[in-house]
Amino acid sequence: MPGVRTAAAELPGQPVLRRIGPRELGEALGAGVADFLAAPTQLLFLGVIYPVVGLIAARAAWGGPLMPLFWPLVSGLSLVGPVVALGLYEISRRRERGLPVSWLNAFDVLRSPAIGAIAVLAVMLLAIFLAWLAAAHAIYQATVGAAGPPPATVGEFLERVFTTEAGWRLILIGNGVGFLFAVLVLSLTVVSFPLLLDRPELGPGTAVRTSLRAVALNPVPMALWGLIVAGLLFLGSLPFFVGLAVVMPVLGHATWHLYRRVVER
């Protein structure tokens, strides 16, 4: 039943979790939209998204080893999204306390007493991101890369990916492995970063364990949440990643409110 507490006695000293359902997911999204409207941060995200994506795209257009990794690099940025969203969690935390907010409050997280523990989890996500790039490169080398000499142009690369058997194997295997990495990051971080910001005394180990417990307790809602996040990020990427300037802040705020519905205060 959604909103029901779990027993705290079975894990003494650990945060108490609730079971949630689709209704709570909708409430979290609605609250995320409200937070975004109260303190719009789209210009901040445009200032981050476009230089990063533009730099990757410009380098890939020149060919060379980065060209096959363009999509893994861009899509893999979502794996470190929880770190980017920390400032949004802080804005949502201030709003629920009735404090004045602006986009500048996103930087208040740098003064959080949990900054050390947050840095530990950030390094963990960076390691996962690098592991994803290594896996994507290995998949490319085993499929399209093994089918002939490196493509000289972006057009030749796209032709190989979408019109050859090796290219379709790359798409199928690459997306399957990418999905596993996304599930791993969701499980490790869906409540761990907000929990550290809210209760810094718990530490990174407890935060990650709580996140894994939350996913295990709510497998279907968390899977649905993952699909919502993936779908909105995909839509926000069309066209030319413009929509991400709105989608990413809304999802960041919504994740804070999802945390509030999963973890007892």
Protein backbone atom coordinates (compact mmCIF):
# COMPACT_ATOMS: atom_id res chain seq x y z
CA MET A 1 0.00 0.00 0.00
CA PRO A 2 1.48 3.40 -0.98
CA GLY A 3 2.64 5.62 1.86
CA VAL A 4 2.93 2.77 4.40
CA ARG A 5 5.94 2.81 6.71
CA THR A 6 8.27 -0.16 6.92
CA ALA A 7 9.33 -1.53 10.25
CA ALA A 8 12.22 0.43 11.71
CA ALA A 9 13.18 -2.31 14.18
CA GLU A 10 14.69 -4.59 11.55
CA LEU A 11 17.42 -2.06 10.73
CA PRO A 12 18.23 -0.09 13.89
CA GLY A 13 19.90 3.25 13.31
CA GLN A 14 18.93 3.29 9.63
CA PRO A 15 16.45 5.70 8.00
CA VAL A 16 12.90 4.36 7.96
CA LEU A 17 11.45 3.87 4.48
CA ARG A 18 7.94 3.98 3.05
CA ARG A 19 6.28 2.04 0.29
CA ILE A 20 5.10 4.33 -2.50
CA GLY A 21 3.06 4.01 -5.67
CA PRO A 22 2.43 5.83 -8.94
CA ARG A 23 0.48 8.56 -7.13
CA GLU A 24 3.58 9.60 -5.21
CA LEU A 25 5.57 9.75 -8.44
CA GLY A 26 3.02 12.14 -9.91
CA GLU A 27 3.07 14.25 -6.76
CA ALA A 28 6.87 14.44 -6.88
CA LEU A 29 6.82 15.57 -10.51
CA GLY A 30 4.18 18.20 -9.77
CA ALA A 31 6.19 19.53 -6.84
CA GLY A 32 9.28 19.56 -9.06
CA VAL A 33 7.51 21.76 -11.59
CA ALA A 34 6.40 24.11 -8.81
CA ASP A 35 9.95 24.43 -7.49
CA PHE A 36 11.27 25.15 -10.98
CA LEU A 37 8.69 27.87 -11.54
CA ALA A 38 9.54 29.41 -8.16
CA ALA A 39 13.29 29.53 -8.93
CA PRO A 40 13.91 29.02 -12.67
CA THR A 41 17.39 27.70 -13.42
CA GLN A 42 17.14 27.12 -17.18
CA LEU A 43 19.81 29.70 -18.00
CA LEU A 44 22.20 28.04 -15.57
CA PHE A 45 21.63 24.68 -17.24
CA LEU A 46 21.94 26.15 -20.72
CA GLY A 47 25.28 27.55 -19.63
CA VAL A 48 26.40 24.06 -18.60
CA ILE A 49 24.77 21.84 -21.23
CA TYR A 50 25.69 23.67 -24.38
CA PRO A 51 29.42 24.21 -23.80
CA VAL A 52 29.86 20.55 -22.78
CA VAL A 53 27.75 19.03 -25.55
CA GLY A 54 29.07 21.53 -28.10
CA LEU A 55 32.68 20.74 -27.24
CA ILE A 56 32.06 17.00 -27.54
CA ALA A 57 30.17 17.42 -30.82
CA ALA A 58 32.83 19.69 -32.32
CA ARG A 59 35.61 17.27 -31.43
CA ALA A 60 33.65 14.26 -32.73
CA ALA A 61 32.97 16.03 -36.04
CA TRP A 62 36.72 16.06 -36.70
CA GLY A 63 36.75 12.29 -36.67
CA GLY A 64 39.28 10.24 -34.79
CA PRO A 65 38.74 8.05 -31.71
CA LEU A 66 36.16 10.35 -30.09
CA MET A 67 33.65 10.11 -32.94
CA PRO A 68 32.32 6.62 -32.00
CA LEU A 69 32.04 7.76 -28.39
CA PHE A 70 29.92 10.84 -29.10
CA TRP A 71 26.62 9.22 -28.11
CA PRO A 72 28.07 7.31 -25.11
CA LEU A 73 29.62 10.57 -23.87
CA VAL A 74 26.44 12.62 -24.25
CA SER A 75 24.04 9.97 -22.96
CA GLY A 76 26.47 9.04 -20.19
CA LEU A 77 26.29 12.56 -18.77
CA SER A 78 23.02 11.46 -17.16
CA LEU A 79 25.07 9.04 -15.03
CA VAL A 80 26.63 12.02 -13.24
CA GLY A 81 23.33 13.93 -13.23
CA PRO A 82 22.77 13.40 -9.47
CA VAL A 83 25.86 15.52 -8.79
CA VAL A 84 24.59 18.33 -11.03
CA ALA A 85 21.20 18.12 -9.30
CA LEU A 86 22.60 18.83 -5.84
CA GLY A 87 21.96 22.55 -6.18
CA LEU A 88 18.37 21.82 -7.15
CA TYR A 89 17.91 19.66 -4.05
CA GLU A 90 19.13 22.60 -1.98
CA ILE A 91 16.60 24.96 -3.58
CA SER A 92 13.78 22.47 -2.91
CA ARG A 93 14.97 21.99 0.67
CA ARG A 94 14.89 25.75 1.26
CA ARG A 95 11.44 26.12 -0.28
CA GLU A 96 9.89 23.46 1.94
CA ARG A 97 11.31 25.30 4.94
CA GLY A 98 9.68 28.53 3.80
CA LEU A 99 12.99 30.26 3.07
CA PRO A 100 13.43 32.67 0.15
CA VAL A 101 14.99 31.06 -2.92
CA SER A 102 16.68 32.03 -6.14
CA TRP A 103 18.89 30.20 -8.60
CA LEU A 104 21.91 31.46 -6.64
CA ASN A 105 20.91 29.19 -3.75
CA ALA A 106 21.98 26.25 -5.90
CA PHE A 107 25.55 27.06 -4.88
CA ASP A 108 24.76 26.90 -1.15
CA VAL A 109 25.36 23.16 -1.34
CA LEU A 110 29.09 23.89 -1.43
CA ARG A 111 28.81 24.98 2.21
CA SER A 112 26.94 21.86 3.29
CA PRO A 113 28.49 19.89 6.19
CA ALA A 114 28.01 16.81 4.00
CA ILE A 115 30.28 18.12 1.23
CA GLY A 116 32.99 15.55 2.02
CA ALA A 117 30.56 12.61 1.86
CA ILE A 118 29.00 14.08 -1.28
CA ALA A 119 32.44 14.23 -2.88
CA VAL A 120 32.94 10.52 -2.13
CA LEU A 121 29.72 9.64 -3.98
CA ALA A 122 30.65 12.02 -6.80
CA VAL A 123 33.93 10.15 -7.30
CA MET A 124 31.96 6.89 -7.33
CA LEU A 125 29.73 8.23 -10.11
CA LEU A 126 32.75 9.45 -12.07
CA ALA A 127 34.22 5.95 -11.87
CA ILE A 128 30.95 4.47 -13.14
CA PHE A 129 30.88 7.00 -15.98
CA LEU A 130 34.43 6.08 -17.01
CA ALA A 131 33.54 2.38 -16.81
CA TRP A 132 30.58 3.03 -19.12
CA LEU A 133 32.85 4.77 -21.65
CA ALA A 134 35.29 1.85 -21.51
CA ALA A 135 32.44 -0.62 -22.04
CA ALA A 136 31.01 1.44 -24.93
CA HIS A 137 34.43 1.58 -26.60
CA ALA A 138 34.89 -2.18 -26.21
CA ILE A 139 31.45 -2.83 -27.72
CA TYR A 140 32.25 -0.57 -30.67
CA GLN A 141 35.59 -2.28 -31.27
CA ALA A 142 33.90 -5.70 -31.17
CA THR A 143 31.19 -4.72 -33.67
CA VAL A 144 31.59 -1.80 -36.08
CA GLY A 145 35.28 -1.38 -35.30
CA ALA A 146 36.00 -4.98 -36.27
CA ALA A 147 34.17 -4.66 -39.59
CA GLY A 148 36.75 -2.45 -41.32
CA PRO A 149 39.04 0.58 -41.06
CA PRO A 150 37.92 3.52 -38.89
CA PRO A 151 35.33 5.76 -40.61
CA ALA A 152 36.81 8.97 -41.97
CA THR A 153 33.69 11.13 -41.67
CA VAL A 154 30.58 11.42 -39.53
CA GLY A 155 28.45 10.43 -42.54
CA GLU A 156 30.45 7.26 -43.08
CA PHE A 157 30.22 6.43 -39.38
CA LEU A 158 26.43 6.86 -39.33
CA GLU A 159 26.08 4.77 -42.47
CA ARG A 160 27.96 1.90 -40.85
CA VAL A 161 25.93 2.13 -37.66
CA PHE A 162 22.48 2.21 -39.27
CA THR A 163 22.92 0.14 -42.44
CA THR A 164 25.14 -2.77 -41.45
CA GLU A 165 24.66 -5.87 -39.34
CA ALA A 166 27.59 -4.86 -37.15
CA GLY A 167 26.00 -1.46 -36.61
CA TRP A 168 22.73 -2.96 -35.44
CA ARG A 169 24.62 -5.24 -33.06
CA LEU A 170 26.34 -2.11 -31.71
CA ILE A 171 22.97 -0.42 -31.16
CA LEU A 172 21.40 -3.46 -29.49
CA ILE A 173 24.30 -4.41 -27.23
CA GLY A 174 25.27 -0.81 -26.47
CA ASN A 175 21.79 0.20 -25.40
CA GLY A 176 21.43 -2.98 -23.33
CA VAL A 177 24.67 -2.35 -21.45
CA GLY A 178 23.83 1.33 -21.09
CA PHE A 179 20.51 0.34 -19.53
CA LEU A 180 22.33 -1.74 -16.91
CA PHE A 181 24.59 1.19 -16.04
CA ALA A 182 21.53 3.45 -15.71
CA VAL A 183 19.82 0.96 -13.38
CA LEU A 184 22.97 0.78 -11.26
CA VAL A 185 23.20 4.57 -10.91
CA LEU A 186 19.47 4.90 -10.16
CA SER A 187 19.73 2.27 -7.43
CA LEU A 188 22.79 3.86 -5.84
CA THR A 189 21.68 7.50 -5.95
CA VAL A 190 17.90 7.88 -6.11
CA VAL A 191 17.81 8.91 -2.44
CA SER A 192 21.49 8.91 -1.37
CA PHE A 193 22.42 12.44 -2.45
CA PRO A 194 19.23 14.07 -1.08
CA LEU A 195 19.67 12.08 2.15
CA LEU A 196 23.22 13.36 2.64
CA LEU A 197 22.11 16.93 2.05
CA ASP A 198 19.23 16.50 4.49
CA ARG A 199 21.00 14.40 7.15
CA PRO A 200 24.77 14.83 6.71
CA GLU A 201 25.58 12.90 9.87
CA LEU A 202 24.64 9.59 8.22
CA GLY A 203 27.65 9.33 5.89
CA PRO A 204 28.02 7.97 2.34
CA GLY A 205 27.80 4.28 3.27
CA THR A 206 24.45 4.64 4.99
CA ALA A 207 23.19 6.89 2.19
CA VAL A 208 23.99 4.31 -0.50
CA ARG A 209 22.56 1.43 1.55
CA THR A 210 19.37 3.43 2.11
CA SER A 211 19.06 4.08 -1.61
CA LEU A 212 19.46 0.36 -2.40
CA ARG A 213 16.89 -0.50 0.29
CA ALA A 214 14.47 2.06 -1.14
CA VAL A 215 14.72 0.48 -4.60
CA ALA A 216 14.35 -3.04 -3.18
CA LEU A 217 11.27 -1.96 -1.20
CA ASN A 218 9.68 -0.19 -4.18
CA PRO A 219 10.92 -2.05 -7.29
CA VAL A 220 7.96 -1.27 -9.55
CA PRO A 221 7.61 2.45 -8.67
CA MET A 222 11.38 2.91 -8.96
CA ALA A 223 11.41 1.16 -12.33
CA LEU A 224 8.58 3.42 -13.44
CA TRP A 225 10.52 6.43 -12.15
CA GLY A 226 13.54 5.35 -14.16
CA LEU A 227 11.39 5.10 -17.30
CA ILE A 228 9.94 8.57 -16.63
CA VAL A 229 13.43 10.03 -16.22
CA ALA A 230 14.73 8.33 -19.36
CA GLY A 231 11.69 9.36 -21.41
CA LEU A 232 11.81 13.00 -20.31
CA LEU A 233 15.56 13.21 -20.91
CA PHE A 234 15.06 11.81 -24.41
CA LEU A 235 12.29 14.28 -25.18
CA GLY A 236 14.36 17.10 -23.72
CA SER A 237 17.18 16.22 -26.10
CA LEU A 238 14.97 17.02 -29.11
CA PRO A 239 15.85 19.16 -30.86
CA PHE A 240 19.48 20.02 -30.14
CA PHE A 241 19.18 19.41 -26.37
CA VAL A 242 17.20 22.64 -25.83
CA GLY A 243 14.54 21.00 -23.69
CA LEU A 244 17.09 19.68 -21.21
CA ALA A 245 17.38 23.19 -19.78
CA VAL A 246 13.87 22.67 -18.37
CA VAL A 247 13.69 18.88 -18.06
CA MET A 248 16.83 18.50 -15.96
CA PRO A 249 15.87 21.09 -13.30
CA VAL A 250 12.33 19.70 -13.03
CA LEU A 251 13.66 16.16 -12.60
CA GLY A 252 16.20 17.37 -10.05
CA HIS A 253 13.55 19.06 -7.93
CA ALA A 254 11.20 16.11 -8.38
CA THR A 255 13.88 13.71 -7.13
CA TRP A 256 14.07 15.69 -3.88
CA HIS A 257 10.31 15.34 -3.42
CA LEU A 258 10.48 11.64 -4.30
CA TYR A 259 13.08 11.29 -1.54
CA ARG A 260 10.70 13.01 0.89
CA ARG A 261 7.99 10.47 0.05
CA VAL A 262 10.27 7.44 0.39
CA VAL A 263 12.34 8.30 3.48
CA GLU A 264 10.77 9.15 6.84
CA ARG A 265 11.74 12.55 8.24
